[in-house]
N, C-alpha and C. Protein backbone atom coordinates (compact mmCIF):
# COMPACT_ATOMS: atom_id res chain seq x y z
N MET A 1 -97.01 -21.02 14.90
CA MET A 1 -96.64 -19.59 14.73
C MET A 1 -95.54 -19.49 15.67
N LYS A 2 -95.54 -19.77 16.92
CA LYS A 2 -94.31 -19.52 17.76
C LYS A 2 -93.28 -20.50 17.38
N ARG A 3 -93.58 -21.71 16.98
CA ARG A 3 -92.41 -22.65 16.51
C ARG A 3 -92.05 -22.28 15.25
N PHE A 4 -92.58 -21.50 14.36
CA PHE A 4 -92.08 -20.83 13.40
C PHE A 4 -91.06 -19.92 13.63
N LEU A 5 -91.10 -19.17 14.53
CA LEU A 5 -90.36 -17.86 14.90
C LEU A 5 -89.19 -18.38 15.51
N ILE A 6 -89.23 -19.42 16.26
CA ILE A 6 -88.04 -19.98 17.18
C ILE A 6 -86.98 -20.74 16.10
N LEU A 7 -87.72 -21.19 14.99
CA LEU A 7 -86.69 -21.73 13.94
C LEU A 7 -86.10 -20.70 13.22
N SER A 8 -86.63 -19.50 12.82
CA SER A 8 -86.27 -18.54 12.05
C SER A 8 -85.13 -17.81 13.07
N LEU A 9 -85.23 -18.02 14.12
CA LEU A 9 -84.25 -17.19 15.07
C LEU A 9 -83.07 -17.97 14.98
N VAL A 10 -83.37 -19.39 15.03
CA VAL A 10 -82.14 -20.48 15.12
C VAL A 10 -81.29 -20.40 13.83
N ALA A 11 -82.09 -20.16 12.68
CA ALA A 11 -81.50 -20.12 11.28
C ALA A 11 -80.56 -18.83 11.04
N ILE A 12 -81.17 -17.79 11.86
CA ILE A 12 -80.54 -16.53 11.65
C ILE A 12 -79.07 -16.62 12.49
N GLY A 13 -79.04 -17.29 13.60
CA GLY A 13 -78.04 -17.47 14.73
C GLY A 13 -76.80 -18.44 14.01
N ALA A 14 -77.46 -19.46 13.24
CA ALA A 14 -76.43 -20.19 12.55
C ALA A 14 -75.95 -19.45 11.36
N LEU A 15 -76.29 -18.61 10.57
CA LEU A 15 -75.92 -17.97 9.40
C LEU A 15 -74.76 -16.96 10.14
N ALA A 16 -75.19 -16.08 11.31
CA ALA A 16 -73.95 -15.54 11.85
C ALA A 16 -73.07 -16.04 12.38
N GLY A 17 -73.12 -17.39 12.77
CA GLY A 17 -71.83 -18.07 13.23
C GLY A 17 -71.08 -18.38 12.00
N TYR A 18 -71.59 -19.06 11.09
CA TYR A 18 -70.88 -19.31 9.72
C TYR A 18 -70.27 -17.98 9.12
N ALA A 19 -70.79 -17.00 9.02
CA ALA A 19 -70.06 -15.84 8.57
C ALA A 19 -68.52 -15.53 9.48
N ALA A 20 -68.69 -15.54 10.86
CA ALA A 20 -67.76 -15.24 11.68
C ALA A 20 -66.51 -16.68 11.63
N ALA A 21 -67.24 -17.63 11.42
CA ALA A 21 -66.21 -18.87 11.03
C ALA A 21 -65.45 -18.60 9.81
N THR A 22 -66.13 -18.20 8.92
CA THR A 22 -65.49 -18.00 7.65
C THR A 22 -64.62 -16.89 7.40
N ALA A 23 -64.57 -16.15 8.42
CA ALA A 23 -63.65 -14.50 8.07
C ALA A 23 -62.38 -15.34 8.33
N LEU A 24 -61.07 -14.45 7.66
CA LEU A 24 -59.97 -14.75 7.82
C LEU A 24 -59.13 -14.65 9.26
N PRO A 25 -58.39 -15.36 9.71
CA PRO A 25 -57.84 -14.94 11.00
C PRO A 25 -57.25 -13.76 11.08
N GLY A 26 -57.70 -13.17 12.15
CA GLY A 26 -57.02 -11.69 12.31
C GLY A 26 -57.54 -10.71 11.67
N GLN A 27 -58.38 -10.90 10.66
CA GLN A 27 -58.94 -10.03 9.82
C GLN A 27 -60.47 -9.40 10.22
N ASP A 28 -60.44 -8.17 10.48
CA ASP A 28 -61.73 -7.51 11.07
C ASP A 28 -62.63 -7.51 9.85
N THR A 29 -63.89 -8.03 10.22
CA THR A 29 -65.06 -8.16 9.29
C THR A 29 -65.51 -7.07 8.79
N GLU A 30 -65.33 -5.94 9.85
CA GLU A 30 -65.70 -4.63 9.57
C GLU A 30 -64.75 -3.86 8.12
N ASP A 31 -65.62 -3.52 7.25
CA ASP A 31 -65.03 -2.76 6.23
C ASP A 31 -64.42 -1.39 6.49
N LYS A 32 -62.95 -1.12 6.51
CA LYS A 32 -62.38 0.08 7.14
C LYS A 32 -61.79 0.75 6.10
N GLY A 33 -62.04 0.44 4.88
CA GLY A 33 -61.60 1.13 3.68
C GLY A 33 -60.20 0.42 3.28
N PRO A 34 -59.56 0.99 1.95
CA PRO A 34 -58.42 0.55 1.50
C PRO A 34 -57.28 0.27 2.57
N THR A 35 -56.48 -0.66 2.25
CA THR A 35 -55.16 -0.71 3.11
C THR A 35 -54.32 0.12 2.76
N PRO A 36 -53.62 1.07 4.02
CA PRO A 36 -52.65 2.04 3.71
C PRO A 36 -51.49 1.48 2.74
N ALA A 37 -50.87 2.40 2.08
CA ALA A 37 -49.79 1.87 1.07
C ALA A 37 -48.44 1.73 2.13
N THR A 38 -47.58 0.75 1.81
CA THR A 38 -46.51 0.65 2.45
C THR A 38 -45.56 1.58 2.42
N ILE A 39 -44.94 2.13 3.67
CA ILE A 39 -43.76 3.41 3.69
C ILE A 39 -42.66 2.75 3.51
N THR A 40 -41.93 3.26 2.33
CA THR A 40 -40.44 2.91 2.05
C THR A 40 -39.59 3.72 2.56
N ALA A 41 -38.57 3.22 3.34
CA ALA A 41 -37.65 4.30 4.02
C ALA A 41 -36.80 5.10 2.84
N PRO A 42 -36.44 6.40 2.85
CA PRO A 42 -35.52 6.82 2.17
C PRO A 42 -34.31 6.14 1.86
N GLU A 43 -33.73 6.36 0.44
CA GLU A 43 -32.52 5.55 0.12
C GLU A 43 -31.49 6.40 0.76
N VAL A 44 -30.53 5.93 1.39
CA VAL A 44 -29.55 6.51 1.80
C VAL A 44 -28.12 6.70 0.96
N ARG A 45 -27.78 7.63 0.75
CA ARG A 45 -26.54 7.72 -0.41
C ARG A 45 -25.41 7.67 0.46
N VAL A 46 -24.14 7.40 0.42
CA VAL A 46 -23.15 7.37 1.09
C VAL A 46 -22.08 8.17 0.05
N ALA A 47 -21.62 9.17 0.56
CA ALA A 47 -20.64 10.15 -0.21
C ALA A 47 -19.38 9.57 -0.27
N PRO A 48 -18.81 9.59 -1.60
CA PRO A 48 -17.49 8.89 -1.81
C PRO A 48 -16.38 9.49 -0.91
N PRO A 49 -15.33 8.45 -0.57
CA PRO A 49 -14.31 9.23 0.22
C PRO A 49 -13.64 10.26 -0.41
N VAL A 50 -13.30 11.13 0.39
CA VAL A 50 -12.50 12.42 -0.28
C VAL A 50 -10.96 11.98 -0.25
N VAL A 51 -10.59 12.31 -1.75
CA VAL A 51 -9.20 11.68 -1.99
C VAL A 51 -8.19 13.04 -1.81
N GLU A 52 -7.63 13.27 -0.91
CA GLU A 52 -6.47 14.31 -0.97
C GLU A 52 -5.31 14.09 -1.59
N GLU A 53 -5.04 15.67 -2.59
CA GLU A 53 -3.98 15.66 -3.24
C GLU A 53 -2.84 15.80 -2.33
N PRO A 54 -1.72 14.99 -2.81
CA PRO A 54 -0.47 15.27 -2.07
C PRO A 54 0.22 16.63 -1.94
N PRO A 55 0.95 17.26 -1.04
CA PRO A 55 1.29 18.23 -1.19
C PRO A 55 2.24 18.80 -2.31
N VAL A 56 2.32 19.93 -2.62
CA VAL A 56 2.92 20.28 -3.98
C VAL A 56 4.50 19.69 -3.66
N ASP A 57 4.92 20.10 -2.73
CA ASP A 57 6.48 19.89 -2.46
C ASP A 57 6.82 18.46 -2.68
N HIS A 58 5.86 17.59 -2.12
CA HIS A 58 5.95 16.06 -2.13
C HIS A 58 5.95 15.78 -3.59
N GLN A 59 4.99 16.11 -4.17
CA GLN A 59 4.87 15.61 -5.52
C GLN A 59 6.13 16.18 -6.35
N LEU A 60 6.52 17.15 -6.05
CA LEU A 60 7.87 17.77 -6.85
C LEU A 60 9.05 16.75 -6.58
N ILE A 61 9.25 16.42 -5.25
CA ILE A 61 10.23 15.45 -4.88
C ILE A 61 10.16 14.19 -5.51
N LEU A 62 8.89 13.50 -5.62
CA LEU A 62 8.90 12.40 -6.22
C LEU A 62 9.07 12.38 -7.70
N ASP A 63 8.58 13.63 -8.39
CA ASP A 63 9.04 13.39 -9.95
C ASP A 63 10.47 13.78 -9.92
N LEU A 64 11.16 14.27 -9.06
CA LEU A 64 12.71 14.53 -9.15
C LEU A 64 13.25 12.87 -9.04
N VAL A 65 12.79 12.18 -7.95
CA VAL A 65 13.25 11.00 -7.73
C VAL A 65 13.03 10.05 -8.75
N ARG A 66 11.91 10.13 -9.71
CA ARG A 66 11.77 9.44 -10.75
C ARG A 66 12.47 9.74 -12.15
N GLN A 67 13.12 11.11 -11.97
CA GLN A 67 13.99 11.56 -13.13
C GLN A 67 15.39 10.75 -12.61
N HIS A 68 15.69 10.73 -11.57
CA HIS A 68 17.11 9.96 -11.09
C HIS A 68 17.02 8.51 -10.96
N ARG A 69 15.67 7.96 -10.79
CA ARG A 69 16.01 6.47 -10.39
C ARG A 69 14.96 6.02 -11.58
N ARG A 70 15.12 5.97 -12.85
CA ARG A 70 14.15 5.43 -13.80
C ARG A 70 13.86 4.05 -13.58
N THR A 71 14.88 3.31 -13.24
CA THR A 71 14.82 1.81 -13.33
C THR A 71 14.14 1.23 -11.75
N ALA A 72 14.03 2.15 -10.71
CA ALA A 72 13.69 1.63 -9.39
C ALA A 72 12.04 1.45 -9.54
N SER A 73 11.38 0.59 -8.35
CA SER A 73 10.42 0.40 -8.41
C SER A 73 9.50 1.38 -8.04
N ASP A 74 7.95 1.90 -8.13
CA ASP A 74 7.31 2.74 -8.02
C ASP A 74 7.20 2.81 -6.40
N HIS A 75 7.21 1.78 -5.65
CA HIS A 75 7.05 1.63 -4.06
C HIS A 75 8.42 2.31 -3.59
N TRP A 76 9.65 1.87 -4.07
CA TRP A 76 10.83 2.33 -3.62
C TRP A 76 10.99 3.93 -4.07
N ARG A 77 10.52 4.22 -5.09
CA ARG A 77 10.65 5.80 -5.19
C ARG A 77 9.83 6.65 -4.49
N GLN A 78 8.53 5.98 -4.11
CA GLN A 78 7.61 6.61 -3.25
C GLN A 78 8.16 6.74 -1.85
N ALA A 79 8.94 5.72 -1.08
CA ALA A 79 9.57 5.50 0.09
C ALA A 79 10.49 6.78 -0.05
N LEU A 80 11.47 6.70 -0.90
CA LEU A 80 12.69 8.02 -1.02
C LEU A 80 11.80 9.10 -0.72
N ALA A 81 10.83 9.42 -1.64
CA ALA A 81 10.25 10.86 -1.60
C ALA A 81 9.56 11.15 -0.24
N ASP A 82 8.82 9.99 0.27
CA ASP A 82 8.33 10.27 1.84
C ASP A 82 9.49 10.79 2.78
N ALA A 83 10.65 9.77 2.70
CA ALA A 83 11.78 10.13 3.68
C ALA A 83 12.38 11.71 3.55
N VAL A 84 12.27 12.05 2.14
CA VAL A 84 12.90 13.42 2.15
C VAL A 84 11.97 14.37 2.63
N TYR A 85 10.55 14.28 2.29
CA TYR A 85 9.58 15.24 2.56
C TYR A 85 9.31 15.38 4.21
N ARG A 86 9.32 13.83 4.68
CA ARG A 86 8.80 13.96 6.25
C ARG A 86 9.77 14.46 6.98
N GLU A 87 10.80 14.05 6.80
CA GLU A 87 12.21 14.31 7.73
C GLU A 87 12.37 16.03 7.38
N SER A 88 12.19 16.53 6.30
CA SER A 88 12.45 17.70 6.18
C SER A 88 11.46 18.95 7.03
N VAL A 89 10.25 18.15 6.78
CA VAL A 89 9.01 18.76 7.66
C VAL A 89 9.44 19.00 9.18
N GLU A 90 9.46 17.82 9.45
CA GLU A 90 9.79 17.78 11.02
C GLU A 90 11.15 18.43 11.60
N ALA A 91 12.11 18.84 10.58
CA ALA A 91 13.24 19.49 10.96
C ALA A 91 13.06 21.05 10.75
N GLY A 92 12.03 21.13 10.09
CA GLY A 92 11.94 22.56 9.94
C GLY A 92 12.66 22.95 8.74
N ALA A 93 13.02 22.21 7.67
CA ALA A 93 14.01 22.58 6.70
C ALA A 93 12.94 22.61 5.45
N ASP A 94 13.52 23.34 4.34
CA ASP A 94 12.56 23.46 3.29
C ASP A 94 12.73 22.04 2.41
N PRO A 95 11.88 21.43 2.29
CA PRO A 95 12.03 19.97 1.50
C PRO A 95 12.69 19.94 0.23
N LEU A 96 12.41 20.94 -0.52
CA LEU A 96 12.72 21.24 -1.86
C LEU A 96 14.47 21.65 -1.96
N LEU A 97 15.13 22.22 -0.79
CA LEU A 97 16.49 22.26 -0.65
C LEU A 97 16.92 20.74 -0.33
N VAL A 98 16.30 20.25 0.74
CA VAL A 98 16.86 18.94 0.87
C VAL A 98 16.89 17.90 -0.15
N ALA A 99 15.95 18.15 -1.01
CA ALA A 99 15.74 17.17 -2.40
C ALA A 99 16.93 17.69 -3.30
N ALA A 100 17.28 18.73 -3.33
CA ALA A 100 18.18 19.32 -4.18
C ALA A 100 19.87 18.85 -3.70
N ILE A 101 19.81 18.76 -2.51
CA ILE A 101 21.15 18.25 -2.07
C ILE A 101 21.21 16.86 -2.11
N VAL A 102 20.19 16.03 -1.99
CA VAL A 102 20.21 14.69 -2.42
C VAL A 102 20.27 14.26 -3.87
N ALA A 103 19.83 15.16 -4.61
CA ALA A 103 19.86 14.80 -5.93
C ALA A 103 21.12 14.97 -6.32
N ARG A 104 22.03 15.89 -5.99
CA ARG A 104 23.37 16.35 -6.19
C ARG A 104 24.41 15.21 -5.65
N GLU A 105 24.05 14.90 -4.50
CA GLU A 105 24.95 14.07 -3.70
C GLU A 105 24.87 12.57 -4.13
N SER A 106 23.67 12.19 -4.25
CA SER A 106 23.55 10.48 -4.49
C SER A 106 22.45 10.07 -5.77
N SER A 107 22.15 11.22 -6.13
CA SER A 107 20.72 10.71 -7.28
C SER A 107 20.18 9.83 -6.69
N PHE A 108 19.58 10.09 -5.29
CA PHE A 108 18.79 9.40 -4.69
C PHE A 108 19.19 7.80 -4.54
N GLN A 109 20.34 7.39 -4.37
CA GLN A 109 20.73 6.09 -4.17
C GLN A 109 21.09 5.89 -2.90
N SER A 110 20.48 5.11 -2.09
CA SER A 110 20.25 5.14 -0.79
C SER A 110 21.58 4.12 -0.36
N ARG A 111 22.37 3.47 -1.13
CA ARG A 111 23.14 2.50 -0.61
C ARG A 111 24.52 2.98 -1.11
N VAL A 112 24.66 3.97 -1.76
CA VAL A 112 25.73 4.32 -2.65
C VAL A 112 27.11 4.86 -1.49
N VAL A 113 28.03 4.67 -1.70
CA VAL A 113 29.50 4.89 -0.93
C VAL A 113 30.48 5.60 -1.89
N SER A 114 30.74 6.78 -1.47
CA SER A 114 31.69 7.65 -2.21
C SER A 114 33.08 6.88 -2.20
N ARG A 115 34.14 7.52 -3.09
CA ARG A 115 35.57 6.99 -2.72
C ARG A 115 36.03 7.69 -1.55
N ALA A 116 35.55 8.79 -0.87
CA ALA A 116 35.98 9.21 0.34
C ALA A 116 35.19 8.54 1.57
N GLY A 117 34.20 7.76 1.17
CA GLY A 117 33.69 6.94 2.30
C GLY A 117 32.48 7.39 2.92
N ALA A 118 31.93 8.68 2.01
CA ALA A 118 30.36 9.01 2.38
C ALA A 118 29.40 8.10 1.85
N VAL A 119 28.34 8.08 2.79
CA VAL A 119 27.26 6.93 2.66
C VAL A 119 26.16 7.48 2.35
N GLY A 120 25.40 6.91 1.41
CA GLY A 120 23.62 6.93 1.35
C GLY A 120 23.26 8.16 0.79
N LEU A 121 21.98 8.55 1.04
CA LEU A 121 21.21 9.54 0.05
C LEU A 121 21.98 11.02 0.27
N MET A 122 22.17 11.44 1.39
CA MET A 122 23.06 12.87 1.74
C MET A 122 24.72 12.85 1.86
N GLN A 123 25.09 11.39 1.63
CA GLN A 123 26.47 11.49 1.37
C GLN A 123 27.24 11.82 2.81
N ILE A 124 27.05 11.14 3.80
CA ILE A 124 27.60 11.76 4.97
C ILE A 124 28.67 10.73 5.48
N ARG A 125 29.78 11.23 5.72
CA ARG A 125 30.93 10.24 6.28
C ARG A 125 30.54 9.68 7.77
N PRO A 126 30.75 8.32 7.87
CA PRO A 126 30.20 7.78 9.13
C PRO A 126 30.63 8.53 10.32
N PHE A 127 32.07 8.95 10.38
CA PHE A 127 32.30 9.57 11.76
C PHE A 127 31.54 10.83 12.10
N VAL A 128 31.22 11.89 10.69
CA VAL A 128 30.33 12.73 10.96
C VAL A 128 29.15 12.40 11.30
N ALA A 129 28.51 11.36 11.02
CA ALA A 129 27.05 11.25 11.26
C ALA A 129 27.08 10.63 12.70
N GLU A 130 28.09 9.70 12.75
CA GLU A 130 27.92 9.24 14.46
C GLU A 130 27.99 10.44 15.37
N ASP A 131 28.72 11.53 15.11
CA ASP A 131 28.97 12.69 16.15
C ASP A 131 27.60 13.43 16.10
N VAL A 132 26.84 13.76 15.02
CA VAL A 132 25.79 14.13 14.92
C VAL A 132 24.80 13.31 15.52
N ALA A 133 24.56 11.96 15.74
CA ALA A 133 23.75 11.25 16.37
C ALA A 133 23.91 11.40 17.68
N GLN A 134 25.04 11.28 18.38
CA GLN A 134 25.28 11.36 19.54
C GLN A 134 25.04 12.72 20.23
N ARG A 135 25.23 13.67 19.67
CA ARG A 135 24.69 14.98 20.32
C ARG A 135 23.43 15.43 20.21
N ASN A 136 22.60 14.66 19.24
CA ASN A 136 21.29 15.02 19.05
C ASN A 136 20.47 13.62 19.52
N ALA A 137 20.95 12.74 20.12
CA ALA A 137 20.33 11.62 20.64
C ALA A 137 19.49 10.73 19.38
N TYR A 138 20.01 10.64 18.44
CA TYR A 138 19.64 10.05 17.14
C TYR A 138 19.85 8.47 17.23
N PRO A 139 19.20 7.73 16.75
CA PRO A 139 19.57 6.25 16.78
C PRO A 139 20.82 5.93 16.12
N TRP A 140 21.84 5.27 16.49
CA TRP A 140 22.98 4.93 15.90
C TRP A 140 23.49 3.39 16.06
N GLU A 141 23.46 2.49 14.75
CA GLU A 141 23.95 1.41 14.89
C GLU A 141 25.08 1.10 13.92
N GLY A 142 25.91 1.84 13.93
CA GLY A 142 27.03 1.90 13.14
C GLY A 142 26.69 2.18 11.60
N ASP A 143 27.88 1.89 10.85
CA ASP A 143 27.68 2.64 9.53
C ASP A 143 26.54 2.18 8.81
N THR A 144 25.66 1.19 9.08
CA THR A 144 24.71 0.55 8.39
C THR A 144 23.27 1.38 8.42
N THR A 145 23.53 2.18 9.85
CA THR A 145 22.51 3.16 10.00
C THR A 145 22.31 4.08 8.76
N LEU A 146 23.42 4.50 7.88
CA LEU A 146 23.11 5.46 7.06
C LEU A 146 22.61 4.88 5.83
N HIS A 147 22.44 3.53 5.92
CA HIS A 147 21.65 3.13 4.38
C HIS A 147 19.97 3.16 4.54
N SER A 148 19.68 3.62 5.74
CA SER A 148 18.15 3.87 6.09
C SER A 148 17.98 5.02 5.36
N PRO A 149 17.15 5.44 4.33
CA PRO A 149 16.49 6.72 4.00
C PRO A 149 16.31 7.69 5.10
N GLU A 150 15.61 7.30 5.86
CA GLU A 150 14.98 8.11 7.34
C GLU A 150 16.07 8.64 8.03
N HIS A 151 17.09 7.59 8.61
CA HIS A 151 18.13 8.05 9.41
C HIS A 151 19.12 8.94 8.60
N ASN A 152 19.42 8.60 7.45
CA ASN A 152 20.34 9.19 6.57
C ASN A 152 19.89 10.76 6.28
N VAL A 153 18.73 10.97 6.13
CA VAL A 153 18.28 12.26 5.58
C VAL A 153 18.02 12.99 6.94
N ARG A 154 17.56 12.37 8.24
CA ARG A 154 17.56 13.26 9.47
C ARG A 154 18.89 13.78 9.72
N LEU A 155 20.41 12.71 9.92
CA LEU A 155 21.33 13.07 10.01
C LEU A 155 21.85 14.05 9.06
N GLY A 156 21.78 14.03 7.96
CA GLY A 156 22.07 14.95 6.70
C GLY A 156 21.46 16.33 7.13
N ILE A 157 20.45 16.57 7.26
CA ILE A 157 19.62 17.88 7.66
C ILE A 157 20.11 18.37 8.79
N THR A 158 20.47 17.66 9.82
CA THR A 158 20.86 18.17 11.06
C THR A 158 22.31 18.85 10.81
N TYR A 159 23.13 18.11 10.21
CA TYR A 159 24.45 18.57 9.96
C TYR A 159 24.56 19.56 9.03
N TYR A 160 23.84 19.75 8.01
CA TYR A 160 23.43 21.07 7.36
C TYR A 160 23.03 22.22 7.99
N GLN A 161 21.87 21.96 8.91
CA GLN A 161 21.54 22.93 9.91
C GLN A 161 22.48 23.59 10.66
N GLU A 162 23.23 22.73 11.11
CA GLU A 162 24.38 23.02 12.12
C GLU A 162 25.39 24.12 11.40
N LEU A 163 25.84 23.51 9.88
CA LEU A 163 26.45 24.45 9.14
C LEU A 163 26.06 25.89 8.82
N ILE A 164 24.85 25.85 8.66
CA ILE A 164 24.05 27.13 8.24
C ILE A 164 24.34 28.18 9.45
N GLU A 165 24.01 27.39 10.98
CA GLU A 165 24.43 28.32 11.90
C GLU A 165 25.82 28.59 12.00
N ARG A 166 26.46 27.89 11.83
CA ARG A 166 27.91 28.07 11.98
C ARG A 166 28.46 29.48 11.11
N PHE A 167 27.95 29.38 10.12
CA PHE A 167 28.50 30.25 8.69
C PHE A 167 27.36 31.31 8.61
N ASP A 168 26.73 31.81 9.49
CA ASP A 168 25.70 32.78 9.82
C ASP A 168 24.51 32.78 8.50
N GLY A 169 24.21 31.80 8.30
CA GLY A 169 22.82 31.56 7.50
C GLY A 169 23.11 31.67 5.84
N ASP A 170 24.52 31.58 5.65
CA ASP A 170 24.87 31.83 4.19
C ASP A 170 24.95 30.34 3.47
N GLU A 171 24.08 30.29 2.68
CA GLU A 171 23.73 28.81 2.21
C GLU A 171 24.88 28.75 1.01
N ALA A 172 25.58 29.35 0.50
CA ALA A 172 26.53 29.05 -0.50
C ALA A 172 27.62 28.65 0.38
N ILE A 173 27.93 29.27 1.46
CA ILE A 173 29.15 28.94 2.24
C ILE A 173 28.83 27.62 2.97
N ALA A 174 27.59 27.43 3.54
CA ALA A 174 27.06 25.99 4.33
C ALA A 174 27.34 25.00 3.28
N LEU A 175 26.85 25.12 2.08
CA LEU A 175 26.70 24.04 1.20
C LEU A 175 28.12 23.70 0.66
N THR A 176 29.14 24.61 0.46
CA THR A 176 30.51 24.35 0.33
C THR A 176 30.90 23.70 1.25
N ALA A 177 30.66 24.01 2.47
CA ALA A 177 31.35 23.45 3.55
C ALA A 177 30.82 21.96 3.79
N TYR A 178 29.53 21.60 3.43
CA TYR A 178 28.99 20.44 3.18
C TYR A 178 29.67 19.43 2.45
N ASN A 179 30.25 19.97 1.33
CA ASN A 179 30.90 19.39 0.37
C ASN A 179 32.29 19.14 0.48
N ARG A 180 32.97 20.34 0.97
CA ARG A 180 34.14 19.96 1.38
C ARG A 180 34.85 20.04 2.62
N GLY A 181 33.83 20.26 3.51
CA GLY A 181 34.37 20.14 4.95
C GLY A 181 34.47 21.26 5.66
N PRO A 182 34.07 21.44 6.82
CA PRO A 182 34.04 22.90 7.19
C PRO A 182 35.19 23.62 7.89
N SER A 183 36.11 22.74 8.00
CA SER A 183 37.39 23.24 8.50
C SER A 183 38.23 23.89 7.39
N ILE A 184 38.13 23.30 6.31
CA ILE A 184 38.66 23.71 5.00
C ILE A 184 38.17 25.33 4.54
N VAL A 185 36.83 25.28 4.84
CA VAL A 185 36.08 26.56 4.28
C VAL A 185 36.26 27.58 5.39
N SER A 186 36.33 27.13 6.80
CA SER A 186 36.71 28.04 7.65
C SER A 186 38.18 29.01 7.52
N GLN A 187 39.10 28.08 7.22
CA GLN A 187 40.51 28.45 6.73
C GLN A 187 40.42 29.32 5.69
N GLU A 188 39.72 29.14 4.80
CA GLU A 188 39.59 29.97 3.38
C GLU A 188 39.07 31.62 3.83
N LEU A 189 38.15 31.16 4.60
CA LEU A 189 37.32 32.48 4.81
C LEU A 189 38.17 33.17 5.90
N ARG A 190 39.15 32.69 6.65
CA ARG A 190 40.03 33.68 7.53
C ARG A 190 41.02 34.11 6.50
N GLY A 191 41.25 33.58 5.58
CA GLY A 191 42.37 34.02 4.76
C GLY A 191 41.92 34.87 3.38
N GLY A 192 40.83 35.10 3.56
CA GLY A 192 40.00 35.76 2.51
C GLY A 192 40.13 35.01 1.10
N GLU A 193 40.20 33.63 1.02
CA GLU A 193 40.37 33.18 -0.17
C GLU A 193 39.20 32.21 -0.66
N PHE A 194 38.12 32.27 0.16
CA PHE A 194 36.83 31.42 -0.06
C PHE A 194 36.13 31.98 -1.29
N GLN A 195 35.69 30.92 -1.93
CA GLN A 195 34.90 30.99 -2.98
C GLN A 195 33.97 29.97 -3.19
N ALA A 196 32.55 30.18 -3.24
CA ALA A 196 31.51 28.99 -3.59
C ALA A 196 31.93 28.20 -4.70
N ASN A 197 32.10 27.06 -4.41
CA ASN A 197 32.24 25.92 -5.47
C ASN A 197 31.20 25.59 -6.44
N ARG A 198 31.44 24.71 -7.36
CA ARG A 198 30.63 24.10 -8.37
C ARG A 198 29.30 23.48 -7.89
N TYR A 199 29.79 22.87 -6.96
CA TYR A 199 28.68 21.81 -6.14
C TYR A 199 27.77 22.84 -5.47
N SER A 200 27.87 23.82 -4.93
CA SER A 200 27.04 24.67 -4.23
C SER A 200 26.34 25.51 -5.23
N ARG A 201 27.02 25.84 -6.19
CA ARG A 201 26.10 26.63 -7.39
C ARG A 201 25.11 25.58 -7.91
N GLU A 202 25.34 24.41 -8.22
CA GLU A 202 24.44 23.47 -8.84
C GLU A 202 23.50 23.19 -7.80
N VAL A 203 23.44 22.74 -6.45
CA VAL A 203 22.59 22.62 -5.59
C VAL A 203 21.48 23.90 -5.72
N ILE A 204 22.12 25.08 -5.45
CA ILE A 204 21.06 26.36 -5.33
C ILE A 204 20.51 26.52 -6.69
N ASP A 205 21.16 26.22 -7.85
CA ASP A 205 20.33 26.36 -9.22
C ASP A 205 19.40 25.24 -9.26
N LEU A 206 19.56 24.07 -8.75
CA LEU A 206 18.29 23.36 -8.77
C LEU A 206 17.12 23.75 -7.79
N TYR A 207 17.64 24.07 -6.50
CA TYR A 207 16.66 24.54 -5.61
C TYR A 207 15.77 25.47 -6.04
N GLU A 208 16.45 26.75 -6.70
CA GLU A 208 15.61 27.62 -7.45
C GLU A 208 14.49 27.25 -8.19
N ARG A 209 15.06 26.24 -9.22
CA ARG A 209 14.12 25.69 -10.23
C ARG A 209 12.90 25.05 -9.60
N LEU A 210 13.13 24.07 -8.43
CA LEU A 210 12.08 23.59 -7.86
C LEU A 210 11.21 24.49 -7.41
N ARG A 211 11.84 25.63 -6.60
CA ARG A 211 11.00 26.75 -5.98
C ARG A 211 10.12 27.52 -7.07
N ALA A 212 10.45 27.64 -8.27
CA ALA A 212 9.79 28.28 -9.29
C ALA A 212 8.71 27.15 -9.79
N GLU A 213 8.81 26.15 -9.69
CA GLU A 213 7.79 24.81 -10.22
C GLU A 213 6.66 25.11 -9.02
N ARG A 214 7.11 25.08 -7.95
CA ARG A 214 6.29 25.35 -6.78
C ARG A 214 5.12 26.36 -6.75
N GLU A 215 5.90 27.66 -7.06
CA GLU A 215 5.15 28.94 -7.05
C GLU A 215 4.14 28.71 -8.32
N SER A 216 4.71 28.06 -9.40
CA SER A 216 3.88 27.84 -10.81
C SER A 216 2.51 26.97 -10.20
N LYS A 217 2.95 26.09 -9.58
CA LYS A 217 1.56 25.19 -9.38
C LYS A 217 0.73 25.67 -8.08
N ALA A 218 1.54 26.44 -7.16
CA ALA A 218 0.56 27.41 -6.45
C ALA A 218 -0.39 28.27 -7.17
N ASP A 219 0.05 28.72 -8.20
CA ASP A 219 -0.75 30.17 -8.88
C ASP A 219 -1.68 29.20 -9.77
N ASN A 220 -1.54 28.31 -10.26
CA ASN A 220 -2.44 27.49 -11.26
C ASN A 220 -3.58 26.46 -10.15
N SER A 221 -3.54 26.49 -8.97
CA SER A 221 -4.09 25.62 -8.08
C SER A 221 -5.45 26.35 -7.94
C-alpha cells in the first residue's frame, strides 16, 4: 500500500513536470483571458502648404509686361515685374505709376538705348544716373549699370521723386520734366509758357487705367 502511494506521487510529479516543460517559452500557463487588441496610433494628416496669391499690383505689372514683351521668356518677364514692384515698394513709390513710366519709356526693354543716349527700362541718360547714384550712395559701375533692371528702376524712381519734390508734387510737370529735362521745364514755367506734353498725358492715362483695375480686383476679392 505504501509502495503504491509512493509510485502515484512520482507519477503525478512527472506529469506536472511534463506540463511545465511543454509550455511555450515566456507564456504563462495561467489563462488570463483574451489577448488585448493592438493599439494603432491615429493617422497624422499633414496640411497642404498655403500658396499665397501675389499682390494685386505685382500681378497687374506682370500682365503689362506680358503685353509689351510677348516673345520674352516667362522667367525674364517675371524678373522685370519683380524689379519694378520691389524697387517701387522699397522707395515708397506707387508700383503702378512706375510701371506706367517704364511701359511708356522702354516697353520693358532693359537694354534699349535711345537716340539721345537714354538707357534701359526707365530711359535714364548716364550722366543723370551717375549723379543720382553718387548723391544717394547707389552702386555705379559705369553705363552698364543701367542695363540691370533693379539698378535702372532704382535710379529712375529716385530721379523722378526728386523731380516731384522740385515741382511741388505736380505729376504732370514732373513727368514732363522727366521726359524733356527739368531745366527746360523750369524755364517754361518762369515764362508762363509751360504745357504738359503728350508723354506725361499718356503716362497718367495708363496709370489711371491700372489704378481702376486695382480697385476692381480689390472689390471682387
